[in-house]
PDB file of all heavy atoms in Angstrom:
ATOM      1  N   ALA A   1       4.084  36.767 -62.262  1.00  0.00           N
ATOM      2  CA  ALA A   1       5.473  37.207 -62.333  1.00  0.00           C
ATOM      3  C   ALA A   1       6.279  36.321 -63.273  1.00  0.00           C
ATOM      4  O   ALA A   1       5.950  35.158 -63.497  1.00  0.00           O
ATOM      5  CB  ALA A   1       6.089  37.181 -60.939  1.00  0.00           C
ATOM      6  N   LYS A   2       7.351  36.893 -63.810  1.00  0.00           N
ATOM      7  CA  LYS A   2       8.268  36.099 -64.623  1.00  0.00           C
ATOM      8  C   LYS A   2       8.972  35.079 -63.730  1.00  0.00           C
ATOM      9  O   LYS A   2       9.258  35.361 -62.562  1.00  0.00           O
ATOM     10  CB  LYS A   2       9.312  37.006 -65.280  1.00  0.00           C
ATOM     11  CG  LYS A   2       8.752  37.991 -66.280  1.00  0.00           C
ATOM     12  CD  LYS A   2       9.827  38.903 -66.821  1.00  0.00           C
ATOM     13  CE  LYS A   2      10.830  38.155 -67.688  1.00  0.00           C
ATOM     14  NZ  LYS A   2      11.771  39.084 -68.354  1.00  0.00           N
ATOM     15  N   PRO A   3       9.287  33.905 -64.257  1.00  0.00           N
ATOM     16  CA  PRO A   3      10.071  32.948 -63.473  1.00  0.00           C
ATOM     17  C   PRO A   3      11.388  33.578 -63.021  1.00  0.00           C
ATOM     18  O   PRO A   3      12.050  34.284 -63.775  1.00  0.00           O
ATOM     19  CB  PRO A   3      10.303  31.798 -64.457  1.00  0.00           C
ATOM     20  CG  PRO A   3       9.176  31.901 -65.436  1.00  0.00           C
ATOM     21  CD  PRO A   3       8.902  33.362 -65.578  1.00  0.00           C
ATOM     22  N   ALA A   4      11.746  33.335 -61.766  1.00  0.00           N
ATOM     23  CA  ALA A   4      12.967  33.919 -61.205  1.00  0.00           C
ATOM     24  C   ALA A   4      14.159  33.081 -61.628  1.00  0.00           C
ATOM     25  O   ALA A   4      14.613  32.183 -60.915  1.00  0.00           O
ATOM     26  CB  ALA A   4      12.865  33.998 -59.694  1.00  0.00           C
ATOM     27  N   LEU A   5      14.696  33.389 -62.815  1.00  0.00           N
ATOM     28  CA  LEU A   5      15.801  32.636 -63.393  1.00  0.00           C
ATOM     29  C   LEU A   5      16.910  33.586 -63.803  1.00  0.00           C
ATOM     30  O   LEU A   5      16.661  34.761 -64.073  1.00  0.00           O
ATOM     31  CB  LEU A   5      15.323  31.833 -64.610  1.00  0.00           C
ATOM     32  CG  LEU A   5      14.171  30.849 -64.370  1.00  0.00           C
ATOM     33  CD1 LEU A   5      13.677  30.293 -65.694  1.00  0.00           C
ATOM     34  CD2 LEU A   5      14.589  29.735 -63.429  1.00  0.00           C
ATOM     35  N   GLY A   6      18.133  33.086 -63.891  1.00  0.00           N
ATOM     36  CA  GLY A   6      19.253  33.927 -64.254  1.00  0.00           C
ATOM     37  C   GLY A   6      19.712  34.765 -63.079  1.00  0.00           C
ATOM     38  O   GLY A   6      19.441  34.451 -61.915  1.00  0.00           O
ATOM     39  N   GLU A   7      20.423  35.846 -63.369  1.00  0.00           N
ATOM     40  CA  GLU A   7      20.898  36.720 -62.302  1.00  0.00           C
ATOM     41  C   GLU A   7      19.758  37.620 -61.848  1.00  0.00           C
ATOM     42  O   GLU A   7      19.325  38.523 -62.564  1.00  0.00           O
ATOM     43  CB  GLU A   7      22.083  37.567 -62.774  1.00  0.00           C
ATOM     44  CG  GLU A   7      22.706  38.370 -61.648  1.00  0.00           C
ATOM     45  CD  GLU A   7      23.933  39.158 -62.074  1.00  0.00           C
ATOM     46  OE1 GLU A   7      24.314  39.089 -63.269  1.00  0.00           O
ATOM     47  OE2 GLU A   7      24.522  39.834 -61.211  1.00  0.00           O
ATOM     48  N   ILE A   8      19.277  37.369 -60.626  1.00  0.00           N
ATOM     49  CA  ILE A   8      18.082  38.030 -60.118  1.00  0.00           C
ATOM     50  C   ILE A   8      18.355  39.526 -59.915  1.00  0.00           C
ATOM     51  O   ILE A   8      19.391  39.926 -59.384  1.00  0.00           O
ATOM     52  CB  ILE A   8      17.639  37.381 -58.787  1.00  0.00           C
ATOM     53  CG1 ILE A   8      17.453  35.870 -58.966  1.00  0.00           C
ATOM     54  CG2 ILE A   8      16.373  38.031 -58.275  1.00  0.00           C
ATOM     55  CD1 ILE A   8      16.453  35.488 -60.035  1.00  0.00           C
ATOM     56  N   GLY A   9      17.401  40.331 -60.361  1.00  0.00           N
ATOM     57  CA  GLY A   9      17.521  41.773 -60.215  1.00  0.00           C
ATOM     58  C   GLY A   9      18.384  42.434 -61.264  1.00  0.00           C
ATOM     59  O   GLY A   9      18.533  43.659 -61.252  1.00  0.00           O
ATOM     60  N   VAL A  10      18.921  41.630 -62.181  1.00  0.00           N
ATOM     61  CA  VAL A  10      19.784  42.181 -63.224  1.00  0.00           C
ATOM     62  C   VAL A  10      19.284  41.781 -64.605  1.00  0.00           C
ATOM     63  O   VAL A  10      19.104  42.625 -65.486  1.00  0.00           O
ATOM     64  CB  VAL A  10      21.248  41.710 -63.034  1.00  0.00           C
ATOM     65  CG1 VAL A  10      22.121  42.209 -64.186  1.00  0.00           C
ATOM     66  CG2 VAL A  10      21.794  42.191 -61.703  1.00  0.00           C
ATOM     67  N   GLU A  11      19.037  40.497 -64.801  1.00  0.00           N
ATOM     68  CA  GLU A  11      18.631  39.995 -66.108  1.00  0.00           C
ATOM     69  C   GLU A  11      17.105  39.997 -66.244  1.00  0.00           C
ATOM     70  O   GLU A  11      16.378  39.759 -65.284  1.00  0.00           O
ATOM     71  CB  GLU A  11      19.158  38.575 -66.313  1.00  0.00           C
ATOM     72  CG  GLU A  11      20.672  38.474 -66.295  1.00  0.00           C
ATOM     73  CD  GLU A  11      21.160  37.045 -66.462  1.00  0.00           C
ATOM     74  OE1 GLU A  11      20.330  36.160 -66.732  1.00  0.00           O
ATOM     75  OE2 GLU A  11      22.373  36.813 -66.315  1.00  0.00           O
ATOM     76  N   GLY A  12      16.642  40.271 -67.450  1.00  0.00           N
ATOM     77  CA  GLY A  12      15.228  40.136 -67.763  1.00  0.00           C
ATOM     78  C   GLY A  12      14.329  41.226 -67.230  1.00  0.00           C
ATOM     79  O   GLY A  12      13.102  41.065 -67.208  1.00  0.00           O
ATOM     80  N   ILE A  13      14.882  42.360 -66.804  1.00  0.00           N
ATOM     81  CA  ILE A  13      14.047  43.452 -66.295  1.00  0.00           C
ATOM     82  C   ILE A  13      13.374  44.166 -67.464  1.00  0.00           C
ATOM     83  O   ILE A  13      14.031  44.566 -68.423  1.00  0.00           O
ATOM     84  CB  ILE A  13      14.892  44.447 -65.476  1.00  0.00           C
ATOM     85  CG1 ILE A  13      15.425  43.755 -64.215  1.00  0.00           C
ATOM     86  CG2 ILE A  13      14.071  45.676 -65.097  1.00  0.00           C
ATOM     87  CD1 ILE A  13      16.324  44.631 -63.373  1.00  0.00           C
ATOM     88  N   GLU A  14      12.067  44.309 -67.378  1.00  0.00           N
ATOM     89  CA  GLU A  14      11.300  44.972 -68.429  1.00  0.00           C
ATOM     90  C   GLU A  14      10.927  46.381 -67.976  1.00  0.00           C
ATOM     91  O   GLU A  14      10.463  46.569 -66.850  1.00  0.00           O
ATOM     92  CB  GLU A  14      10.066  44.139 -68.771  1.00  0.00           C
ATOM     93  CG  GLU A  14      10.445  42.750 -69.270  1.00  0.00           C
ATOM     94  CD  GLU A  14       9.248  41.887 -69.660  1.00  0.00           C
ATOM     95  OE1 GLU A  14       8.108  42.360 -69.552  1.00  0.00           O
ATOM     96  OE2 GLU A  14       9.473  40.737 -70.087  1.00  0.00           O
ATOM     97  N   VAL A  15      11.123  47.346 -68.847  1.00  0.00           N
ATOM     98  CA  VAL A  15      10.957  48.754 -68.484  1.00  0.00           C
ATOM     99  C   VAL A  15       9.814  49.369 -69.284  1.00  0.00           C
ATOM    100  O   VAL A  15       9.816  49.336 -70.522  1.00  0.00           O
ATOM    101  CB  VAL A  15      12.253  49.546 -68.728  1.00  0.00           C
ATOM    102  CG1 VAL A  15      12.067  51.009 -68.327  1.00  0.00           C
ATOM    103  CG2 VAL A  15      13.410  48.923 -67.946  1.00  0.00           C
ATOM    104  N   GLU A  16       8.867  49.957 -68.575  1.00  0.00           N
ATOM    105  CA  GLU A  16       7.750  50.650 -69.219  1.00  0.00           C
ATOM    106  C   GLU A  16       8.147  52.102 -69.458  1.00  0.00           C
ATOM    107  O   GLU A  16       8.506  52.818 -68.527  1.00  0.00           O
ATOM    108  CB  GLU A  16       6.508  50.575 -68.327  1.00  0.00           C
ATOM    109  CG  GLU A  16       5.274  51.184 -68.946  1.00  0.00           C
ATOM    110  CD  GLU A  16       4.033  50.819 -68.154  1.00  0.00           C
ATOM    111  OE1 GLU A  16       3.766  51.472 -67.122  1.00  0.00           O
ATOM    112  OE2 GLU A  16       3.337  49.869 -68.561  1.00  0.00           O
ATOM    113  N   ARG A  17       8.056  52.516 -70.730  1.00  0.00           N
ATOM    114  CA  ARG A  17       8.468  53.867 -71.101  1.00  0.00           C
ATOM    115  C   ARG A  17       7.310  54.614 -71.758  1.00  0.00           C
ATOM    116  O   ARG A  17       6.308  54.007 -72.152  1.00  0.00           O
ATOM    117  CB  ARG A  17       9.673  53.805 -72.040  1.00  0.00           C
ATOM    118  CG  ARG A  17      10.887  53.135 -71.399  1.00  0.00           C
ATOM    119  CD  ARG A  17      12.024  52.941 -72.366  1.00  0.00           C
ATOM    120  NE  ARG A  17      12.608  54.217 -72.793  1.00  0.00           N
ATOM    121  CZ  ARG A  17      13.603  54.325 -73.659  1.00  0.00           C
ATOM    122  NH1 ARG A  17      14.117  53.221 -74.217  1.00  0.00           N
ATOM    123  NH2 ARG A  17      14.077  55.508 -74.002  1.00  0.00           N
ATOM    124  N   LEU A  18       7.468  55.908 -71.861  1.00  0.00           N
ATOM    125  CA  LEU A  18       6.501  56.732 -72.572  1.00  0.00           C
ATOM    126  C   LEU A  18       6.880  56.760 -74.046  1.00  0.00           C
ATOM    127  O   LEU A  18       8.026  57.058 -74.401  1.00  0.00           O
ATOM    128  CB  LEU A  18       6.484  58.144 -72.005  1.00  0.00           C
ATOM    129  CG  LEU A  18       5.522  59.125 -72.675  1.00  0.00           C
ATOM    130  CD1 LEU A  18       4.076  58.682 -72.479  1.00  0.00           C
ATOM    131  CD2 LEU A  18       5.721  60.536 -72.111  1.00  0.00           C
ATOM    132  N   ALA A  19       5.920  56.412 -74.902  1.00  0.00           N
ATOM    133  CA  ALA A  19       6.156  56.399 -76.343  1.00  0.00           C
ATOM    134  C   ALA A  19       5.140  57.292 -77.033  1.00  0.00           C
ATOM    135  O   ALA A  19       4.045  57.538 -76.513  1.00  0.00           O
ATOM    136  CB  ALA A  19       6.063  54.975 -76.885  1.00  0.00           C
ATOM    137  N   THR A  20       5.486  57.783 -78.207  1.00  0.00           N
ATOM    138  CA  THR A  20       4.569  58.602 -79.005  1.00  0.00           C
ATOM    139  C   THR A  20       4.570  58.124 -80.449  1.00  0.00           C
ATOM    140  O   THR A  20       5.552  57.561 -80.944  1.00  0.00           O
ATOM    141  CB  THR A  20       4.963  60.090 -78.973  1.00  0.00           C
ATOM    142  OG1 THR A  20       6.281  60.247 -79.512  1.00  0.00           O
ATOM    143  CG2 THR A  20       4.906  60.647 -77.561  1.00  0.00           C
ATOM    144  N   VAL A  21       3.445  58.371 -81.111  1.00  0.00           N
ATOM    145  CA  VAL A  21       3.291  58.116 -82.546  1.00  0.00           C
ATOM    146  C   VAL A  21       2.595  59.323 -83.150  1.00  0.00           C
ATOM    147  O   VAL A  21       1.629  59.845 -82.577  1.00  0.00           O
ATOM    148  CB  VAL A  21       2.472  56.832 -82.806  1.00  0.00           C
ATOM    149  CG1 VAL A  21       2.111  56.711 -84.284  1.00  0.00           C
ATOM    150  CG2 VAL A  21       3.243  55.600 -82.357  1.00  0.00           C
ATOM    151  N   SER A  22       3.034  59.758 -84.294  1.00  0.00           N
ATOM    152  CA  SER A  22       2.385  60.867 -84.987  1.00  0.00           C
ATOM    153  C   SER A  22       0.979  60.472 -85.407  1.00  0.00           C
ATOM    154  O   SER A  22       0.704  59.299 -85.691  1.00  0.00           O
ATOM    155  CB  SER A  22       3.202  61.266 -86.216  1.00  0.00           C
ATOM    156  OG  SER A  22       2.450  62.085 -87.081  1.00  0.00           O
ATOM    157  N   ALA A  23       0.084  61.435 -85.484  1.00  0.00           N
ATOM    158  CA  ALA A  23      -1.281  61.178 -85.947  1.00  0.00           C
ATOM    159  C   ALA A  23      -1.301  60.645 -87.367  1.00  0.00           C
ATOM    160  O   ALA A  23      -2.270  60.022 -87.797  1.00  0.00           O
ATOM    161  CB  ALA A  23      -2.114  62.457 -85.856  1.00  0.00           C
ATOM    162  N   GLN A  24      -0.219  60.867 -88.121  1.00  0.00           N
ATOM    163  CA  GLN A  24      -0.115  60.339 -89.482  1.00  0.00           C
ATOM    164  C   GLN A  24       0.427  58.909 -89.507  1.00  0.00           C
ATOM    165  O   GLN A  24       0.471  58.271 -90.553  1.00  0.00           O
ATOM    166  CB  GLN A  24       0.799  61.221 -90.335  1.00  0.00           C
ATOM    167  CG  GLN A  24       0.130  62.486 -90.860  1.00  0.00           C
ATOM    168  CD  GLN A  24      -0.170  63.475 -89.759  1.00  0.00           C
ATOM    169  OE1 GLN A  24       0.696  63.802 -88.953  1.00  0.00           O
ATOM    170  NE2 GLN A  24      -1.411  63.947 -89.703  1.00  0.00           N
ATOM    171  N   GLY A  25       0.875  58.411 -88.339  1.00  0.00           N
ATOM    172  CA  GLY A  25       1.376  57.053 -88.260  1.00  0.00           C
ATOM    173  C   GLY A  25       2.889  56.993 -88.274  1.00  0.00           C
ATOM    174  O   GLY A  25       3.581  58.000 -88.456  1.00  0.00           O
ATOM    175  N   GLY A  26       3.407  55.793 -88.059  1.00  0.00           N
ATOM    176  CA  GLY A  26       4.851  55.595 -88.043  1.00  0.00           C
ATOM    177  C   GLY A  26       5.265  54.723 -86.877  1.00  0.00           C
ATOM    178  O   GLY A  26       4.430  54.211 -86.124  1.00  0.00           O
ATOM    179  N   SER A  27       6.546  54.550 -86.701  1.00  0.00           N
ATOM    180  CA  SER A  27       7.075  53.725 -85.620  1.00  0.00           C
ATOM    181  C   SER A  27       7.002  54.479 -84.295  1.00  0.00           C
ATOM    182  O   SER A  27       7.122  55.710 -84.260  1.00  0.00           O
ATOM    183  CB  SER A  27       8.529  53.343 -85.904  1.00  0.00           C
ATOM    184  OG  SER A  27       8.634  52.597 -87.100  1.00  0.00           O
ATOM    185  N   PRO A  28       6.819  53.755 -83.205  1.00  0.00           N
ATOM    186  CA  PRO A  28       6.797  54.421 -81.889  1.00  0.00           C
ATOM    187  C   PRO A  28       8.134  55.080 -81.581  1.00  0.00           C
ATOM    188  O   PRO A  28       9.199  54.518 -81.868  1.00  0.00           O
ATOM    189  CB  PRO A  28       6.523  53.269 -80.920  1.00  0.00           C
ATOM    190  CG  PRO A  28       5.937  52.177 -81.739  1.00  0.00           C
ATOM    191  CD  PRO A  28       6.541  52.312 -83.097  1.00  0.00           C
ATOM    192  N   GLN A  29       8.080  56.275 -81.030  1.00  0.00           N
ATOM    193  CA  GLN A  29       9.264  56.989 -80.581  1.00  0.00           C
ATOM    194  C   GLN A  29       9.304  56.940 -79.056  1.00  0.00           C
ATOM    195  O   GLN A  29       8.353  57.380 -78.396  1.00  0.00           O
ATOM    196  CB  GLN A  29       9.232  58.438 -81.064  1.00  0.00           C
ATOM    197  CG  GLN A  29       9.148  58.586 -82.574  1.00  0.00           C
ATOM    198  CD  GLN A  29      10.350  57.991 -83.282  1.00  0.00           C
ATOM    199  OE1 GLN A  29      11.498  58.300 -82.946  1.00  0.00           O
ATOM    200  NE2 GLN A  29      10.097  57.120 -84.258  1.00  0.00           N
ATOM    201  N   LEU A  30      10.361  56.402 -78.493  1.00  0.00           N
ATOM    202  CA  LEU A  30      10.494  56.313 -77.046  1.00  0.00           C
ATOM    203  C   LEU A  30      10.966  57.657 -76.510  1.00  0.00           C
ATOM    204  O   LEU A  30      12.050  58.134 -76.862  1.00  0.00           O
ATOM    205  CB  LEU A  30      11.464  55.198 -76.681  1.00  0.00           C
ATOM    206  CG  LEU A  30      10.986  53.793 -77.077  1.00  0.00           C
ATOM    207  CD1 LEU A  30      12.082  52.766 -76.842  1.00  0.00           C
ATOM    208  CD2 LEU A  30       9.727  53.423 -76.309  1.00  0.00           C
ATOM    209  N   VAL A  31      10.151  58.257 -75.673  1.00  0.00           N
ATOM    210  CA  VAL A  31      10.387  59.625 -75.212  1.00  0.00           C
ATOM    211  C   VAL A  31      11.123  59.650 -73.877  1.00  0.00           C
ATOM    212  O   VAL A  31      12.061  60.419 -73.685  1.00  0.00           O
ATOM    213  CB  VAL A  31       9.042  60.380 -75.094  1.00  0.00           C
ATOM    214  CG1 VAL A  31       9.228  61.728 -74.406  1.00  0.00           C
ATOM    215  CG2 VAL A  31       8.422  60.555 -76.477  1.00  0.00           C
ATOM    216  N   SER A  32      10.730  58.831 -72.950  1.00  0.00           N
ATOM    217  CA  SER A  32      11.315  58.870 -71.610  1.00  0.00           C
ATOM    218  C   SER A  32      12.645  58.132 -71.581  1.00  0.00           C
ATOM    219  O   SER A  32      12.937  57.300 -72.451  1.00  0.00           O
ATOM    220  CB  SER A  32      10.348  58.254 -70.599  1.00  0.00           C
ATOM    221  OG  SER A  32      10.033  56.917 -70.972  1.00  0.00           O
ATOM    222  N   PRO A  33      13.478  58.405 -70.594  1.00  0.00           N
ATOM    223  CA  PRO A  33      14.802  57.775 -70.523  1.00  0.00           C
ATOM    224  C   PRO A  33      14.708  56.256 -70.372  1.00  0.00           C
ATOM    225  O   PRO A  33      13.782  55.724 -69.755  1.00  0.00           O
ATOM    226  CB  PRO A  33      15.433  58.407 -69.273  1.00  0.00           C
ATOM    227  CG  PRO A  33      14.677  59.672 -69.044  1.00  0.00           C
ATOM    228  CD  PRO A  33      13.290  59.416 -69.528  1.00  0.00           C
ATOM    229  N   ALA A  34      15.705  55.560 -70.887  1.00  0.00           N
ATOM    230  CA  ALA A  34      15.721  54.102 -70.839  1.00  0.00           C
ATOM    231  C   ALA A  34      15.811  53.582 -69.413  1.00  0.00           C
ATOM    232  O   ALA A  34      15.320  52.491 -69.114  1.00  0.00           O
ATOM    233  CB  ALA A  34      16.885  53.569 -71.669  1.00  0.00           C
ATOM    234  N   GLY A  35      16.408  54.353 -68.528  1.00  0.00           N
ATOM    235  CA  GLY A  35      16.578  53.907 -67.147  1.00  0.00           C
ATOM    236  C   GLY A  35      15.495  54.390 -66.214  1.00  0.00           C
ATOM    237  O   GLY A  35      15.711  54.480 -64.993  1.00  0.00           O
ATOM    238  N   SER A  36      14.314  54.690 -66.743  1.00  0.00           N
ATOM    239  CA  SER A  36      13.220  55.197 -65.921  1.00  0.00           C
ATOM    240  C   SER A  36      11.936  54.455 -66.260  1.00  0.00           C
ATOM    241  O   SER A  36      11.569  54.342 -67.433  1.00  0.00           O
ATOM    242  CB  SER A  36      13.034  56.703 -66.164  1.00  0.00           C
ATOM    243  OG  SER A  36      12.139  57.260 -65.239  1.00  0.00           O
ATOM    244  N   TYR A  37      11.265  53.936 -65.253  1.00  0.00           N
ATOM    245  CA  TYR A  37      10.010  53.204 -65.428  1.00  0.00           C
ATOM    246  C   TYR A  37       8.848  54.174 -65.217  1.00  0.00           C
ATOM    247  O   TYR A  37       8.723  54.789 -64.156  1.00  0.00           O
ATOM    248  CB  TYR A  37       9.941  52.059 -64.422  1.00  0.00           C
ATOM    249  CG  TYR A  37       8.843  51.052 -64.675  1.00  0.00           C
ATOM    250  CD1 TYR A  37       9.135  49.808 -65.212  1.00  0.00           C
ATOM    251  CD2 TYR A  37       7.518  51.337 -64.370  1.00  0.00           C
ATOM    252  CE1 TYR A  37       8.141  48.869 -65.439  1.00  0.00           C
ATOM    253  CE2 TYR A  37       6.516  50.417 -64.601  1.00  0.00           C
ATOM    254  CZ  TYR A  37       6.824  49.178 -65.134  1.00  0.00           C
ATOM    255  OH  TYR A  37       5.830  48.255 -65.357  1.00  0.00           O
TER     256      TYR A  37
END
């Protein structure tokens, strides 16, 4: 786990999202909402 520092439950939360990349390549496009893990 990350060290429990700063404002707990607010700061430093990492969110796993669904991303896509074209078969031709390019930057990842974040598909799912930012507030959804």
